[in-house]
Protein backbone atom coordinates (compact mmCIF):
# COMPACT_ATOMS: atom_id res chain seq x y z
CA MET A 1 68.86 134.00 130.57
CA MET A 2 70.06 132.84 134.02
CA LYS A 3 66.58 131.67 135.04
CA ARG A 4 65.77 129.88 131.83
CA VAL A 5 68.92 128.21 131.91
CA GLN A 6 68.55 127.26 135.62
CA TYR A 7 65.25 125.84 134.85
CA LEU A 8 66.56 123.61 132.00
CA SER A 9 69.34 122.52 133.92
CA SER A 10 67.02 121.73 137.04
CA ILE A 11 64.56 119.31 135.08
CA ALA A 12 67.15 117.81 132.64
CA ALA A 13 69.26 116.59 135.51
CA ILE A 14 66.21 114.41 137.04
CA ALA A 15 66.84 112.29 133.85
CA LEU A 16 70.27 111.04 135.23
CA VAL A 17 68.57 110.04 138.58
CA MET A 18 67.34 106.39 138.94
CA PRO A 19 64.59 105.04 141.29
CA ALA A 20 65.09 104.02 144.57
CA ILE A 21 65.17 99.72 144.44
CA ALA A 22 64.48 99.68 148.19
CA GLN A 23 61.57 100.96 150.12
CA ALA A 24 61.19 101.84 153.89
CA GLN A 25 58.93 99.05 154.36
CA ALA A 26 60.60 96.27 152.20
CA TYR A 27 59.71 92.81 153.61
CA GLY A 28 58.93 89.42 152.63
CA PRO A 29 60.04 85.67 151.85
CA ASP A 30 62.54 86.49 149.03
CA ASP A 31 64.96 83.52 149.59
CA ALA A 32 63.71 80.29 148.52
CA VAL A 33 66.32 78.57 150.69
CA THR A 34 66.10 80.00 153.97
CA GLY A 35 62.62 80.36 153.79
CA GLY A 36 62.16 84.00 155.02
CA GLY A 37 64.26 87.02 156.33
CA ASP A 38 64.76 90.73 155.99
CA ARG A 39 65.82 91.60 152.21
CA SER A 40 67.95 94.55 153.24
CA GLU A 41 70.18 92.30 155.63
CA ARG A 42 70.32 89.22 153.28
CA SER A 43 71.47 91.62 150.45
CA SER A 44 74.42 92.98 152.65
CA ARG A 45 75.73 89.77 153.65
CA ASP A 46 75.25 88.40 150.00
CA GLU A 47 77.56 91.42 148.71
CA ARG A 48 80.15 90.92 151.20
CA SER A 49 80.23 87.19 150.67
CA GLU A 50 80.77 88.13 146.54
CA ARG A 51 83.67 90.66 147.38
CA PRO A 52 87.06 89.70 146.76
CA GLN A 53 88.14 89.02 150.45
CA ARG A 54 91.57 91.05 150.78
CA LYS A 55 92.20 94.44 148.72
CA ARG A 56 94.29 97.37 149.84
CA ALA A 57 92.92 100.78 150.41
CA THR A 58 92.90 103.02 147.47
CA VAL A 59 92.79 106.78 148.63
CA THR A 60 93.23 109.64 145.75
CA PRO A 61 93.18 113.18 146.99
CA TYR A 62 92.90 116.00 144.10
CA ILE A 63 92.71 119.50 143.32
CA GLU A 64 91.22 121.09 140.33
CA VAL A 65 91.26 124.42 138.72
CA SER A 66 88.75 125.20 135.81
CA GLN A 67 87.04 127.87 133.64
CA VAL A 68 83.20 126.98 132.49
CA VAL A 69 81.21 128.91 129.79
CA LEU A 70 77.75 128.43 129.73
CA ALA A 71 75.70 129.55 126.34
CA GLU A 72 72.15 129.98 125.80
CA LEU A 73 71.28 128.91 122.20
CA SER A 74 67.37 129.50 122.17
CA PRO A 75 65.41 131.39 122.55
CA ASN A 76 67.99 133.68 123.19
CA ASP A 77 71.73 133.91 122.51
CA ASP A 78 73.60 134.94 126.32
CA VAL A 79 76.81 133.52 127.39
CA VAL A 80 78.11 133.36 131.28
CA THR A 81 81.66 132.43 132.40
CA PHE A 82 82.83 131.24 135.71
CA SER A 83 85.82 129.85 137.53
CA GLN A 84 86.01 126.83 139.38
CA VAL A 85 88.33 125.65 142.03
CA ALA A 86 87.85 122.56 143.94
CA ALA A 87 89.71 119.77 146.15
CA GLY A 88 88.28 116.18 147.19
CA VAL A 89 89.07 112.88 147.58
CA ASP A 90 87.91 109.27 146.27
CA ALA A 91 88.51 106.55 148.64
CA SER A 92 87.94 102.72 148.82
CA VAL A 93 88.54 100.10 151.11
CA GLN A 94 87.39 96.45 150.62
CA GLY A 95 88.30 93.56 153.25
CA ARG A 96 87.53 90.48 154.62
CA ASN A 97 85.37 92.20 157.47
CA ASN A 98 85.18 95.78 156.62
CA GLY A 99 84.58 97.84 153.38
CA GLY A 100 83.32 101.26 152.15
CA SER A 101 83.43 103.72 149.32
CA VAL A 102 83.57 107.70 149.62
CA SER A 103 83.74 110.50 147.13
CA LEU A 104 84.09 113.93 148.92
CA ARG A 105 84.32 117.38 147.26
CA TYR A 106 84.71 120.76 148.06
CA GLU A 107 84.07 123.33 145.29
CA ARG A 108 84.27 127.17 144.94
CA ASN A 109 82.39 129.00 141.94
CA ILE A 110 83.57 132.48 141.17
CA GLY A 111 81.10 134.28 138.61
CA TYR A 112 82.45 137.08 136.46
CA GLY A 113 80.27 140.33 136.72
CA ASP A 114 77.32 138.13 138.27
CA ALA A 115 77.82 137.58 141.87
CA ALA A 116 74.77 135.53 141.73
CA LEU A 117 76.89 132.54 140.32
CA ASP A 118 79.17 132.73 143.34
CA SER A 119 79.03 129.81 145.57
CA ASP A 120 80.88 127.56 148.07
CA THR A 121 79.45 123.75 148.07
CA VAL A 122 80.54 120.60 149.75
CA THR A 123 79.30 117.61 147.88
CA GLY A 124 79.89 113.70 148.76
CA ILE A 125 78.39 110.12 148.71
CA ALA A 126 79.63 107.23 151.24
CA ARG A 127 78.24 104.06 152.09
CA GLY A 128 80.05 101.30 154.35
CA TYR A 129 80.40 98.56 156.82
CA ALA A 130 82.44 97.06 159.80
CA SER A 131 82.21 93.70 161.69
CA VAL A 132 81.99 93.84 165.41
CA VAL A 133 81.84 90.10 165.09
CA PRO A 134 82.76 88.88 161.93
CA GLN A 135 80.06 87.11 159.72
CA VAL A 136 77.62 87.63 162.53
CA LEU A 137 77.10 91.41 163.67
CA THR A 138 78.03 94.68 161.55
CA VAL A 139 77.65 98.02 161.58
CA GLU A 140 76.70 99.88 158.58
CA ALA A 141 76.24 103.66 157.42
CA GLY A 142 75.71 105.51 154.44
CA ALA A 143 75.68 109.61 153.55
CA LEU A 144 74.85 111.96 150.74
CA ALA A 145 75.58 115.57 150.55
CA ALA A 146 74.63 117.23 147.55
CA ARG A 147 73.95 120.88 146.04
CA THR A 148 70.54 120.77 144.48
CA GLN A 149 67.92 122.92 142.51
CA VAL A 150 64.23 123.14 143.63
CA ASP A 151 62.07 123.86 140.27
CA ASN A 152 58.80 125.79 140.13
CA GLY A 153 56.97 122.60 140.61
CA GLY A 154 58.64 121.26 143.92
CA GLY A 155 60.90 118.80 141.76
CA ALA A 156 64.50 118.37 142.95
CA SER A 157 67.78 117.66 140.80
CA LEU A 158 71.35 116.75 141.45
CA ASN A 159 73.94 117.67 138.60
CA PRO A 160 73.15 121.40 137.69
CA VAL A 161 74.73 122.38 134.78
CA GLU A 162 76.34 125.58 136.37
CA GLY A 163 76.90 127.10 139.82
CA LEU A 164 73.88 128.19 141.33
CA GLY A 165 73.03 131.49 143.17
CA ALA A 166 71.70 132.38 146.25
CA GLU A 167 68.09 132.71 145.27
CA ASP A 168 68.08 129.19 143.43
CA GLU A 169 70.76 126.88 145.25
CA SER A 170 69.45 124.73 147.74
CA ARG A 171 71.10 121.52 149.41
CA ILE A 172 70.37 117.85 150.41
CA TYR A 173 71.81 116.19 153.48
CA SER A 174 70.90 112.57 154.14
CA ALA A 175 72.76 110.16 156.39
CA TYR A 176 71.72 106.84 157.92
CA ALA A 177 73.35 104.30 160.42
CA GLY A 178 72.49 101.00 162.46
CA PRO A 179 73.59 97.14 163.30
CA ASN A 180 72.77 94.12 161.25
CA LEU A 181 72.58 90.83 162.83
CA ALA A 182 72.56 87.31 161.03
CA THR A 183 73.30 84.10 162.84
CA LYS A 184 71.94 80.95 163.43
CA VAL A 185 70.50 78.74 166.13
CA GLY A 186 70.89 75.14 165.36
CA GLU A 187 68.63 74.95 161.82
CA VAL A 188 66.85 78.59 162.34
CA ALA A 189 68.58 81.45 160.53
CA VAL A 190 68.07 84.82 162.94
CA SER A 191 68.56 88.08 161.29
CA ALA A 192 67.98 91.54 162.56
CA ASN A 193 68.68 95.22 161.79
CA TYR A 194 67.65 98.59 162.83
CA ARG A 195 68.78 102.01 161.28
CA PHE A 196 68.35 105.63 162.00
CA GLY A 197 68.02 108.18 159.34
CA TYR A 198 68.16 111.80 159.02
CA THR A 199 67.33 113.98 155.96
CA ARG A 200 67.73 118.04 155.52
CA VAL A 201 66.77 120.11 152.54
CA GLU A 202 67.88 123.74 152.87
CA ALA A 203 66.09 126.01 150.25
CA PRO A 204 66.57 129.49 151.12
CA ASP A 205 63.47 130.88 149.67
CA ALA A 206 59.65 129.70 149.01
CA VAL A 207 59.05 128.32 145.48
CA VAL A 208 56.05 129.56 143.96
CA THR A 209 54.18 127.84 140.75
CA THR A 210 53.12 131.09 139.61
CA PRO A 211 54.03 134.68 140.47
CA GLY A 212 51.56 135.53 143.32
CA GLY A 213 50.46 131.94 143.28
CA PRO A 214 50.79 129.92 146.83
CA ALA A 215 54.07 128.51 147.47
CA VAL A 216 55.22 124.69 147.26
CA ASP A 217 55.64 123.07 150.58
CA VAL A 218 59.33 122.43 150.38
CA PHE A 219 60.58 119.55 152.77
CA ASP A 220 62.53 120.69 155.75
CA ASP A 221 63.55 117.68 157.51
CA SER A 222 63.03 114.13 158.98
CA THR A 223 64.40 111.42 161.22
CA THR A 224 63.31 107.79 160.51
CA HIS A 225 63.63 104.65 162.74
CA SER A 226 63.42 101.07 160.95
CA ALA A 227 63.61 98.08 162.49
CA ASN A 228 63.16 94.39 161.55
CA ALA A 229 63.52 90.97 162.84
CA SER A 230 62.83 87.29 161.21
CA LEU A 231 63.55 83.82 161.70
CA GLY A 232 63.43 80.91 158.91
CA VAL A 233 63.93 77.49 158.29
CA LYS A 234 65.21 75.91 154.98
CA PRO A 235 62.66 73.40 153.31
CA ASN A 236 63.59 69.90 154.17
CA THR A 237 64.67 70.33 157.56
CA VAL A 238 61.96 70.41 160.07
CA LEU A 239 59.12 70.01 157.38
CA PRO A 240 59.19 69.38 153.77
CA VAL A 241 58.73 73.27 152.95
CA GLY A 242 60.64 76.44 154.17
CA LEU A 243 59.11 78.42 157.11
CA GLY A 244 59.50 81.95 158.08
CA ALA A 245 58.27 84.48 160.61
CA GLY A 246 59.08 88.21 160.91
CA ALA A 247 58.16 91.40 162.18
CA GLY A 248 58.73 94.93 161.55
CA PHE A 249 58.50 98.62 162.46
CA TYR A 250 58.96 101.89 160.29
CA GLN A 251 58.27 105.72 161.47
CA GLU A 252 59.17 108.85 159.86
CA ASP A 253 58.72 112.12 161.40
CA ILE A 254 58.70 115.01 159.15
CA SER A 255 59.07 118.43 160.47
CA ASN A 256 56.54 120.23 157.77
CA LEU A 257 53.04 120.03 159.54
CA ASP A 258 54.55 117.62 161.80
CA GLN A 259 53.61 114.83 159.35
CA ARG A 260 54.37 111.11 160.45
CA VAL A 261 54.33 108.03 159.10
CA ARG A 262 53.79 104.73 161.14
CA ASP A 263 54.34 101.32 159.57
CA VAL A 264 53.80 98.17 162.15
CA TYR A 265 53.68 94.28 160.70
CA VAL A 266 53.94 90.83 161.61
CA ARG A 267 53.64 88.09 159.07
CA GLY A 268 54.26 84.32 158.38
CA ASP A 269 55.81 82.95 154.95
CA VAL A 270 56.08 79.43 153.67
CA THR A 271 58.42 78.31 150.71
CA VAL A 272 57.29 75.43 148.92
CA PRO A 273 60.13 73.99 146.77
CA VAL A 274 59.15 72.72 143.28
CA THR A 275 62.70 71.91 142.08
CA SER A 276 65.85 72.49 143.53
CA GLU A 277 65.90 75.99 141.79
CA PHE A 278 62.53 76.89 141.60
CA ALA A 279 59.91 77.61 144.49
CA VAL A 280 56.51 78.66 145.17
CA VAL A 281 56.17 81.24 148.08
CA GLY A 282 53.64 83.16 150.20
CA GLY A 283 53.13 84.92 153.15
CA VAL A 284 50.21 86.63 155.42
CA GLY A 285 50.18 88.83 158.27
CA TYR A 286 48.64 91.74 160.01
CA GLU A 287 49.90 95.49 159.19
CA ASP A 288 49.17 98.66 160.70
CA VAL A 289 49.84 101.96 158.27
CA LYS A 290 48.89 105.46 159.32
CA VAL A 291 49.74 108.99 157.76
CA SER A 292 48.96 111.94 160.21
CA SER A 293 49.67 115.49 160.17
CA ARG A 294 48.72 118.78 161.84
CA ASP A 295 47.25 122.03 160.13
CA ALA A 296 49.27 125.19 159.55
CA VAL A 297 48.88 128.42 161.69
CA LEU A 298 46.17 130.58 160.05
CA ASP A 299 46.21 134.56 160.14
CA ALA A 300 43.08 136.67 160.61
CA GLY A 301 42.35 136.24 157.20
CA GLY A 302 42.32 132.60 157.25
CA ALA A 303 45.56 132.40 155.06
CA PRO A 304 48.35 129.96 156.04
CA VAL A 305 51.40 131.56 157.87
CA ILE A 306 54.62 130.92 155.93
CA ASP A 307 57.75 131.07 157.85
CA ALA A 308 61.06 133.11 156.92
CA ASP A 309 62.22 129.84 154.85
CA GLY A 310 59.24 129.96 152.86
CA ARG A 311 57.41 126.93 154.89
CA PHE A 312 54.27 126.68 156.39
CA VAL A 313 54.18 127.16 160.06
CA THR A 314 52.65 124.20 162.07
CA ASP A 315 50.04 124.63 164.52
CA THR A 316 51.36 122.48 167.49
CA SER A 317 48.12 122.99 169.35
CA ALA A 318 45.95 121.47 166.80
CA PRO A 319 45.05 118.14 167.12
CA ARG A 320 46.68 115.40 164.98
CA GLN A 321 44.37 114.71 161.55
CA ILE A 322 44.41 111.23 159.78
CA ALA A 323 45.46 111.45 156.05
CA PHE A 324 45.62 107.78 155.59
CA GLU A 325 45.02 104.77 157.70
CA THR A 326 44.76 100.98 157.31
CA ASP A 327 44.92 97.83 159.41
CA GLY A 328 44.24 94.26 158.91
CA LEU A 329 45.18 91.37 157.10
CA ILE A 330 48.14 91.44 154.54
CA TRP A 331 49.16 88.76 151.99
CA ASP A 332 51.15 87.90 148.82
CA VAL A 333 52.12 84.96 146.45
CA GLY A 334 54.88 84.81 144.26
CA VAL A 335 57.73 82.60 142.70
CA VAL A 336 61.60 82.52 143.52
CA TRP A 337 63.96 81.08 140.82
CA ARG A 338 67.66 80.64 141.84
CA PRO A 339 69.30 78.69 139.31
CA SER A 340 72.85 79.57 140.18
CA ARG A 341 74.53 82.04 142.73
CA ARG A 342 74.96 84.35 139.33
CA THR A 343 71.04 84.56 138.70
CA ALA A 344 68.14 85.35 140.91
CA PHE A 345 64.59 86.02 140.06
CA GLU A 346 61.39 86.80 142.30
CA ALA A 347 57.92 88.21 141.75
CA HIS A 348 55.19 88.91 144.10
CA TYR A 349 51.77 89.93 143.84
CA GLY A 350 49.46 90.63 146.66
CA ARG A 351 47.24 92.99 148.96
CA ARG A 352 48.47 95.67 150.94
CA TYR A 353 47.61 99.48 151.80
CA ASP A 354 44.16 98.49 150.97
CA SER A 355 44.93 97.83 147.35
CA ASP A 356 46.45 95.64 144.97
CA THR A 357 50.79 95.41 145.31
CA TYR A 358 53.30 94.10 143.01
CA TYR A 359 57.14 93.75 143.56
CA GLY A 360 59.97 91.88 142.48
CA SER A 361 63.61 91.97 141.41
CA PHE A 362 66.13 90.04 138.73
CA ALA A 363 69.85 89.90 138.85
CA TYR A 364 71.89 88.29 136.51
CA ALA A 365 75.74 88.48 136.64
CA PRO A 366 77.16 85.98 133.89
CA ASN A 367 80.56 86.78 134.52
CA ALA A 368 82.58 89.36 136.60
CA ARG A 369 82.52 91.91 133.92
CA SER A 370 78.72 92.48 133.48
CA SER A 371 75.49 92.33 135.40
CA VAL A 372 71.76 93.14 134.75
CA ASN A 373 69.39 94.25 137.30
CA LEU A 374 65.67 94.82 137.48
CA SER A 375 63.92 96.04 140.43
CA VAL A 376 59.81 96.70 140.66
CA TYR A 377 58.87 98.58 144.18
CA ASP A 378 55.93 99.70 146.10
CA GLY A 379 55.97 101.68 149.21
CA VAL A 380 54.89 104.58 151.64
CA ALA A 381 57.08 107.06 152.97
CA GLY A 382 57.94 110.71 152.90
CA PHE A 383 61.19 112.09 151.15
CA GLY A 384 63.53 111.37 153.94
CA GLY A 385 62.67 107.70 154.16
CA VAL A 386 62.77 107.08 150.47
CA LEU A 387 66.34 108.75 150.17
CA ASN A 388 67.68 107.07 153.48
CA ASN A 389 66.54 103.54 151.91
CA ALA A 390 68.09 104.41 148.32
CA LEU A 391 71.37 104.85 150.35
CA VAL A 392 71.06 101.48 152.28
CA ALA A 393 70.53 100.02 148.55
CA LEU A 394 74.05 101.60 147.37
CA PRO A 395 76.88 98.97 147.17
CA THR A 396 79.95 99.50 149.11
CA ASN A 397 82.52 99.08 146.44
CA PHE A 398 81.77 101.92 143.83
CA GLU A 399 83.26 104.99 142.01
CA ALA A 400 80.80 108.16 142.29
CA ASN A 401 79.56 109.31 138.96
CA ARG A 402 79.96 113.37 138.81
CA ASN A 403 79.08 115.97 136.08
CA PRO A 404 82.25 116.45 134.03
CA LEU A 405 81.42 120.43 133.75
CA THR A 406 80.50 120.91 137.61
CA GLY A 407 81.72 118.10 139.72
CA ASP A 408 78.14 117.60 141.01
CA LEU A 409 77.00 114.10 141.94
CA ASN A 410 74.55 112.80 139.13
CA GLY A 411 72.87 110.48 141.37
CA CYS A 412 74.46 107.28 140.33
CA VAL A 413 77.71 105.63 141.03
CA THR A 414 79.84 102.94 138.86
CA SER A 415 79.62 99.46 140.29
CA LEU A 416 78.87 95.70 139.30
CA GLU A 417 77.49 94.66 142.46
CA GLY A 418 74.09 96.22 141.55
CA GLY A 419 71.82 98.66 143.10
CA ASN A 420 74.04 101.49 142.03
CA CYS A 421 71.69 104.46 141.83
CA LEU A 422 69.95 106.84 144.56
CA GLY A 423 66.25 106.89 142.83
CA GLY A 424 63.23 108.28 142.39
CA ALA A 425 63.63 109.49 146.03
CA LEU A 426 64.96 112.89 144.36
CA GLY A 427 62.09 113.49 141.85
CA SER A 428 60.60 115.89 144.00
CA VAL A 429 61.13 117.58 147.38
CA ARG A 430 57.45 118.67 148.51
CA SER A 431 56.90 117.59 152.10
CA ALA A 432 53.81 115.56 151.78
CA VAL A 433 54.08 111.65 151.93
CA PHE A 434 53.68 109.76 149.17
CA ARG A 435 53.29 106.07 147.81
CA SER A 436 55.72 105.24 145.22
CA ARG A 437 55.64 102.83 142.52
CA GLY A 438 57.79 102.07 139.54
CA GLY A 439 60.79 99.89 138.10
CA VAL A 440 64.15 100.32 136.79
CA LEU A 441 66.33 98.08 134.55
CA SER A 442 70.04 98.68 134.64
CA TYR A 443 73.15 96.91 132.63
CA SER A 444 76.60 97.52 133.32
CA ARG A 445 79.77 96.23 131.43
CA ALA A 446 83.15 96.18 131.65
CA VAL A 447 84.53 96.32 128.11
CA GLY A 448 87.99 94.96 127.47
CA SER A 449 90.48 96.09 129.84
CA ARG A 450 89.89 99.75 129.54
CA MET A 451 86.21 101.01 129.28
CA ASN A 452 83.05 100.62 131.00
CA ALA A 453 79.39 100.91 129.65
CA SER A 454 76.23 101.40 131.46
CA VAL A 455 72.42 101.93 130.04
CA GLY A 456 69.30 102.06 132.49
CA ILE A 457 65.48 102.77 131.76
CA GLY A 458 62.79 103.29 134.55
CA TYR A 459 59.44 104.60 135.75
CA ASP A 460 58.58 106.09 138.70
CA ARG A 461 55.00 107.07 139.84
CA ARG A 462 54.64 109.32 143.07
CA THR A 463 50.96 109.55 144.35
CA PHE A 464 50.88 112.25 147.48
CA ILE A 465 48.97 111.58 150.67
CA ALA A 466 47.55 114.69 152.70
CA ALA A 467 44.79 114.70 154.93
CA GLN A 468 41.71 116.64 154.35
CA GLY A 469 41.03 120.13 155.71
CA THR A 470 44.75 121.00 155.99
CA VAL A 471 46.56 123.41 153.71
CA LEU A 472 48.24 120.17 151.89
CA ALA A 473 44.67 118.69 151.05
CA GLY A 474 45.14 119.96 147.37
CA ALA A 475 47.74 117.62 147.14
CA ASP A 476 46.30 114.34 148.16
CA GLY A 477 45.71 112.11 145.23
CA LEU A 478 47.81 114.05 142.92
CA SER A 479 50.61 112.38 141.08
CA GLU A 480 53.92 112.80 139.68
CA GLU A 481 55.11 110.57 136.79
CA SER A 482 58.68 110.12 135.22
CA PHE A 483 59.81 107.79 132.26
CA TYR A 484 63.73 108.01 131.49
CA GLY A 485 66.82 106.57 129.92
CA SER A 486 70.25 107.20 130.04
CA ILE A 487 73.65 105.61 128.66
CA ALA A 488 77.22 106.15 129.83
CA VAL A 489 80.45 105.10 128.39
CA SER A 490 83.92 105.88 129.84
CA GLY A 491 87.57 104.30 129.33
CA GLU A 492 91.07 105.02 128.60
CA LEU A 493 92.67 106.22 125.51
CA GLY A 494 96.46 104.89 125.57
CA ARG A 495 98.18 105.21 128.95
CA ASN A 496 98.09 108.87 129.43
CA ALA A 497 94.38 109.70 128.46
CA GLY A 498 91.01 109.00 129.26
CA PHE A 499 87.38 109.83 128.14
CA SER A 500 83.73 109.58 129.19
CA VAL A 501 80.32 109.78 127.13
CA ASN A 502 76.97 110.44 128.79
CA ALA A 503 73.46 110.86 127.10
CA TYR A 504 70.07 111.06 128.44
CA ALA A 505 66.29 111.44 127.98
CA ASN A 506 63.40 111.89 129.93
CA TYR A 507 59.57 112.37 129.95
CA LEU A 508 57.97 114.10 133.06
CA THR A 509 54.23 114.84 134.04
CA SER A 510 52.82 116.56 137.05
CA ASP A 511 49.42 116.80 138.48
CA PHE A 512 50.40 119.98 140.34
CA THR A 513 51.30 122.10 137.21
CA ASP A 514 49.28 119.83 134.72
CA THR A 515 52.55 120.09 132.25
CA ASP A 516 54.91 117.82 130.57
CA ALA A 517 58.18 118.10 129.81
CA THR A 518 60.41 116.31 127.40
CA ILE A 519 64.32 116.58 128.24
CA LEU A 520 67.25 115.28 126.00
CA GLY A 521 70.98 116.13 126.65
CA ALA A 522 74.44 114.72 126.32
CA SER A 523 77.91 115.57 127.22
CA ALA A 524 81.62 114.61 126.81
CA ALA A 525 84.76 114.72 128.63
CA TYR A 526 88.58 113.81 127.71
CA ARG A 527 91.66 114.02 130.27
CA ARG A 528 95.33 113.66 129.32
CA TYR A 529 97.93 113.36 131.99
CA ILE A 530 100.68 115.99 131.52
CA TYR A 531 103.44 115.01 134.06
CA GLY A 532 102.98 112.89 137.50
CA GLY A 533 99.61 113.30 138.80
CA LEU A 534 98.99 116.62 136.67
CA SER A 535 96.33 116.62 133.81
CA ALA A 536 94.38 118.58 131.45
CA ARG A 537 90.76 118.32 131.29
CA ALA A 538 88.22 119.27 128.62
CA ALA A 539 84.21 118.92 128.51
CA VAL A 540 81.30 119.94 126.45
CA ALA A 541 77.72 119.54 127.14
CA LEU A 542 74.39 120.09 125.12
CA ASP A 543 70.87 120.38 126.91
CA TYR A 544 67.53 120.74 125.36
CA LEU A 545 63.94 121.18 126.91
CA ASN A 546 60.37 121.10 125.25
CA SER A 547 58.01 122.18 128.05
CA GLU A 548 54.64 123.66 128.47
CA ALA A 549 55.60 125.13 131.95
CA ALA A 550 58.78 126.93 130.19
CA GLY A 551 56.19 128.18 127.24
CA GLU A 552 59.13 127.65 125.06
CA ASP A 553 61.78 125.11 123.85
CA LEU A 554 65.07 125.74 125.58
CA LYS A 555 68.75 124.87 124.40
CA THR A 556 72.07 125.50 126.06
CA ALA A 557 75.52 124.52 125.32
CA SER A 558 78.52 124.53 127.92
CA ALA A 559 82.00 123.77 127.85
CA LEU A 560 84.94 123.64 130.28
CA VAL A 561 88.98 123.72 130.07
CA GLY A 562 91.01 123.15 133.28
CA LEU A 563 93.88 121.30 135.28
CA ARG A 564 93.78 118.75 137.79
CA TYR A 565 96.25 117.09 140.29
CA ASP A 566 95.87 113.70 141.59
CA PHE A 567 98.43 113.36 144.74
């Protein structure tokens, strides 16, 4: 029963995770006013300019004690129970020159009669910035620690329904940090940034697709270096058109088989204003992209050697082999429409990676209580690079969304500032480099003074890149796709109670297992204050999976009752 339930929770939780809205190699003239510049740095400056200038810090430590019951409704009728003890802190500080949010939680799960349910876990998410020179030089950082599960196709999921045992539990750790520079020299806007990132997946055992079959090469760890610089002048300053020039470097080194992604580009951009609100933009440049790796050590029979952690052993003496390589002309054209500070739209089409590329975004905040955000993305990176850049895209003023039964992060945060989900970066932890393309549309709204609601839909396609003649060659060109949607409502019920309701739907396909899956689920939680910071909690959840890989429909129900104290 436990294996079936863990498989259901593993796949179903992916529906709660939105695709990353910032890719490792994002670039281009997305500013009709300045005529060019780095997108990620400009978004950070805009975020700070829109933030209230003074707000005291809020810090909320807490402890929880709960009892959780998990029942498999079909095809069997087993029931398991475990206790949960947790301590954590949620904090946020938003000031004129510094800001950030963090949610950190330690949890101990204790199973009854099933030691596989016992676990100790630290989960958390954080992002913030500090000014070195106000409005000119800042340092920003972000981090993620999450309990996860790797399913039999290499997929990863946050937000498992239950405590995980030693066989199935894995952890993801990711962090980045670096400086941002934004200034002007006369009429020329100057921006630059550098980020160093690190990501690690701790999966204790090899994951196999079928009994006796080959092991999935689960991502181990990687480091990333990303640097961008740009110069730009507005239209009608030096010339009637805006001009920009930029350059960038990205490199990700993946420990599995010594894989490497390296991307270097230089480009020039022009902005042609049509009206004060609408402009046509275009850019051309040179880019050199290379994906390479080494092969695995082979035993006497020619089979790849696998280490104690279930990963291929790299043959460091073997020459590096090219999986993908392209260099030469890149270009794109597009439009930018910015009728006000609350509305921004851009769409681009061009050539990159030896193929067509599309990307763009739409952001609309009619008032301070609601926002609409759309993003279309396209990029080449590894698991670590995409996850680092998903952290970069998070706002600095947020509240973390956690599973009401387990306290695990569900991949998104609540914020009206946009860019509030970690992304399709979490869809798979296979080590192979991939090209990720897709889009996500989200809507958030504060309803009255006591409720918040959000809805999101999206699509993500990940096409893997691997060198021929290596043990990863079978992954080259294979794809994984997901279509998904989710809705969440939370609020207060009077002065002493609150609630939250979540629902999701997802459809997944994978070339690796040649299967698909349809997932549906919903949860509801209620909290009532008893005295001071002491409150009683209750939550219920239903999950359903129709999967070819599982071979049968799976249905589970879970419930929680407990106490919480906020200091």
